[in-house]
């Protein structure tokens, strides 16, 4: 399985303190084992899943996208896009996806 961490995800982890980094690592392992645990978003973010976990009474969200093999339904890749608290999470995620070219702007369809 190929795992890719996008820039916003890596920047957050780098700035986080060690206990939170360990909690993030556990959440990433959990999401990688069972990617369907995350909630699939709708609308502009319909390809994105969000896995939620708590650390020190604070809820964190991890945005990711994954792909399965057609025949075996085996996880072949997972991309982790962003992690953070709920505040401005979805707006920042949409901005990053637009910059990266993975989200169509309204009226371009």
C-alpha atoms as a PDB file:
ATOM      1  CA  UNK A   1       0.000   0.000   0.000  1.00  0.00           C
ATOM      2  CA  UNK A   2       1.242   3.455  -0.917  1.00  0.00           C
ATOM      3  CA  UNK A   3       0.791   6.175   1.737  1.00  0.00           C
ATOM      4  CA  UNK A   4       1.236   9.839   0.833  1.00  0.00           C
ATOM      5  CA  UNK A   5       1.181  12.789   3.238  1.00  0.00           C
ATOM      6  CA  UNK A   6       0.359  16.169   1.716  1.00  0.00           C
ATOM      7  CA  UNK A   7       2.056  19.404   2.810  1.00  0.00           C
ATOM      8  CA  UNK A   8      -0.692  20.713   5.177  1.00  0.00           C
ATOM      9  CA  UNK A   9      -0.763  17.372   6.986  1.00  0.00           C
ATOM     10  CA  UNK A  10       3.014  17.261   7.407  1.00  0.00           C
ATOM     11  CA  UNK A  11       3.215  20.882   8.566  1.00  0.00           C
ATOM     12  CA  UNK A  12       0.629  20.286  11.296  1.00  0.00           C
ATOM     13  CA  UNK A  13       2.380  17.132  12.530  1.00  0.00           C
ATOM     14  CA  UNK A  14       5.770  18.861  12.548  1.00  0.00           C
ATOM     15  CA  UNK A  15       4.453  21.686  14.750  1.00  0.00           C
ATOM     16  CA  UNK A  16       2.576  19.366  17.128  1.00  0.00           C
ATOM     17  CA  UNK A  17       4.058  18.271  20.440  1.00  0.00           C
ATOM     18  CA  UNK A  18       5.236  14.695  20.820  1.00  0.00           C
ATOM     19  CA  UNK A  19       2.156  13.260  22.635  1.00  0.00           C
ATOM     20  CA  UNK A  20      -0.136  14.639  19.936  1.00  0.00           C
ATOM     21  CA  UNK A  21       2.201  13.305  17.228  1.00  0.00           C
ATOM     22  CA  UNK A  22       1.852   9.826  18.750  1.00  0.00           C
ATOM     23  CA  UNK A  23      -1.956  10.169  18.846  1.00  0.00           C
ATOM     24  CA  UNK A  24      -1.904  11.257  15.190  1.00  0.00           C
ATOM     25  CA  UNK A  25       0.231   8.252  14.303  1.00  0.00           C
ATOM     26  CA  UNK A  26      -2.296   5.945  16.006  1.00  0.00           C
ATOM     27  CA  UNK A  27      -5.180   7.624  14.149  1.00  0.00           C
ATOM     28  CA  UNK A  28      -3.360   7.299  10.812  1.00  0.00           C
ATOM     29  CA  UNK A  29      -2.783   3.585  11.444  1.00  0.00           C
ATOM     30  CA  UNK A  30      -6.463   3.138  12.336  1.00  0.00           C
ATOM     31  CA  UNK A  31      -7.641   5.028   9.234  1.00  0.00           C
ATOM     32  CA  UNK A  32      -5.219   3.043   7.055  1.00  0.00           C
ATOM     33  CA  UNK A  33      -6.445  -0.291   8.419  1.00  0.00           C
ATOM     34  CA  UNK A  34     -10.129   0.570   7.888  1.00  0.00           C
ATOM     35  CA  UNK A  35     -10.505   3.634   5.653  1.00  0.00           C
ATOM     36  CA  UNK A  36     -14.275   3.186   5.507  1.00  0.00           C
ATOM     37  CA  UNK A  37     -14.428   4.254   9.193  1.00  0.00           C
ATOM     38  CA  UNK A  38     -14.154   7.868   8.113  1.00  0.00           C
ATOM     39  CA  UNK A  39     -17.212   9.837   7.128  1.00  0.00           C
ATOM     40  CA  UNK A  40     -17.505  10.463   3.396  1.00  0.00           C
ATOM     41  CA  UNK A  41     -18.159  14.119   2.653  1.00  0.00           C
ATOM     42  CA  UNK A  42     -20.721  15.450   0.191  1.00  0.00           C
ATOM     43  CA  UNK A  43     -20.763  18.169  -2.453  1.00  0.00           C
ATOM     44  CA  UNK A  44     -17.370  19.618  -3.413  1.00  0.00           C
ATOM     45  CA  UNK A  45     -15.591  17.230  -1.048  1.00  0.00           C
ATOM     46  CA  UNK A  46     -17.408  14.038  -2.103  1.00  0.00           C
ATOM     47  CA  UNK A  47     -14.135  12.148  -2.687  1.00  0.00           C
ATOM     48  CA  UNK A  48     -12.786  13.036   0.763  1.00  0.00           C
ATOM     49  CA  UNK A  49     -13.227  11.023   3.958  1.00  0.00           C
ATOM     50  CA  UNK A  50     -12.812  12.502   7.429  1.00  0.00           C
ATOM     51  CA  UNK A  51     -11.702  10.440  10.417  1.00  0.00           C
ATOM     52  CA  UNK A  52     -12.246  12.037  13.826  1.00  0.00           C
ATOM     53  CA  UNK A  53     -10.365  11.354  17.042  1.00  0.00           C
ATOM     54  CA  UNK A  54     -10.043  12.999  20.429  1.00  0.00           C
ATOM     55  CA  UNK A  55      -6.883  14.067  22.224  1.00  0.00           C
ATOM     56  CA  UNK A  56      -6.890  15.982  25.525  1.00  0.00           C
ATOM     57  CA  UNK A  57     -10.624  16.760  25.238  1.00  0.00           C
ATOM     58  CA  UNK A  58     -10.112  18.259  21.766  1.00  0.00           C
ATOM     59  CA  UNK A  59     -11.519  16.714  18.608  1.00  0.00           C
ATOM     60  CA  UNK A  60      -9.195  16.471  15.597  1.00  0.00           C
ATOM     61  CA  UNK A  61     -10.162  15.725  12.009  1.00  0.00           C
ATOM     62  CA  UNK A  62      -8.045  13.929   9.432  1.00  0.00           C
ATOM     63  CA  UNK A  63      -8.978  14.361   5.762  1.00  0.00           C
ATOM     64  CA  UNK A  64      -7.923  11.607   3.377  1.00  0.00           C
ATOM     65  CA  UNK A  65      -8.725   9.910   0.098  1.00  0.00           C
ATOM     66  CA  UNK A  66      -8.075   6.273  -0.788  1.00  0.00           C
ATOM     67  CA  UNK A  67      -8.271   3.790  -3.629  1.00  0.00           C
ATOM     68  CA  UNK A  68      -9.091   0.091  -3.706  1.00  0.00           C
ATOM     69  CA  UNK A  69      -8.095  -2.497  -6.263  1.00  0.00           C
ATOM     70  CA  UNK A  70     -11.048  -3.463  -8.444  1.00  0.00           C
ATOM     71  CA  UNK A  71     -10.777  -7.216  -8.112  1.00  0.00           C
ATOM     72  CA  UNK A  72      -9.613  -7.829  -4.556  1.00  0.00           C
ATOM     73  CA  UNK A  73     -11.078  -4.741  -2.876  1.00  0.00           C
ATOM     74  CA  UNK A  74      -7.670  -4.306  -1.304  1.00  0.00           C
ATOM     75  CA  UNK A  75      -6.409  -0.876  -0.254  1.00  0.00           C
ATOM     76  CA  UNK A  76      -3.743   0.166  -2.749  1.00  0.00           C
ATOM     77  CA  UNK A  77      -3.206   3.841  -1.859  1.00  0.00           C
ATOM     78  CA  UNK A  78      -4.218   6.420   0.727  1.00  0.00           C
ATOM     79  CA  UNK A  79      -3.438  10.150   0.695  1.00  0.00           C
ATOM     80  CA  UNK A  80      -3.655  12.161   3.917  1.00  0.00           C
ATOM     81  CA  UNK A  81      -4.471  15.778   3.068  1.00  0.00           C
ATOM     82  CA  UNK A  82      -5.052  17.696   6.267  1.00  0.00           C
ATOM     83  CA  UNK A  83      -5.352  17.380  10.009  1.00  0.00           C
ATOM     84  CA  UNK A  84      -6.639  19.923  12.491  1.00  0.00           C
ATOM     85  CA  UNK A  85      -9.458  21.069  14.699  1.00  0.00           C
ATOM     86  CA  UNK A  86     -12.866  21.868  13.246  1.00  0.00           C
ATOM     87  CA  UNK A  87     -12.302  25.622  13.073  1.00  0.00           C
ATOM     88  CA  UNK A  88     -11.802  26.593   9.397  1.00  0.00           C
ATOM     89  CA  UNK A  89     -10.908  22.962   8.620  1.00  0.00           C
ATOM     90  CA  UNK A  90     -13.172  22.525   5.600  1.00  0.00           C
ATOM     91  CA  UNK A  91     -12.514  25.983   4.143  1.00  0.00           C
ATOM     92  CA  UNK A  92      -8.742  25.438   4.330  1.00  0.00           C
ATOM     93  CA  UNK A  93      -9.098  21.934   2.902  1.00  0.00           C
ATOM     94  CA  UNK A  94     -11.105  23.230  -0.066  1.00  0.00           C
ATOM     95  CA  UNK A  95      -8.533  25.986  -0.654  1.00  0.00           C
ATOM     96  CA  UNK A  96      -5.684  23.450  -0.665  1.00  0.00           C
ATOM     97  CA  UNK A  97      -7.528  21.081  -2.998  1.00  0.00           C
ATOM     98  CA  UNK A  98      -8.283  23.915  -5.424  1.00  0.00           C
ATOM     99  CA  UNK A  99      -4.630  24.987  -5.435  1.00  0.00           C
ATOM    100  CA  UNK A 100      -3.593  21.390  -6.034  1.00  0.00           C
ATOM    101  CA  UNK A 101      -6.173  21.034  -8.800  1.00  0.00           C
ATOM    102  CA  UNK A 102      -8.183  18.243  -7.147  1.00  0.00           C
ATOM    103  CA  UNK A 103     -11.349  20.286  -6.670  1.00  0.00           C
ATOM    104  CA  UNK A 104     -13.282  21.894  -9.484  1.00  0.00           C
ATOM    105  CA  UNK A 105     -14.397  25.455  -8.917  1.00  0.00           C
ATOM    106  CA  UNK A 106     -18.066  26.265  -9.285  1.00  0.00           C
ATOM    107  CA  UNK A 107     -19.012  26.944 -12.889  1.00  0.00           C
ATOM    108  CA  UNK A 108     -16.122  24.940 -14.381  1.00  0.00           C
ATOM    109  CA  UNK A 109     -18.121  21.755 -14.814  1.00  0.00           C
END
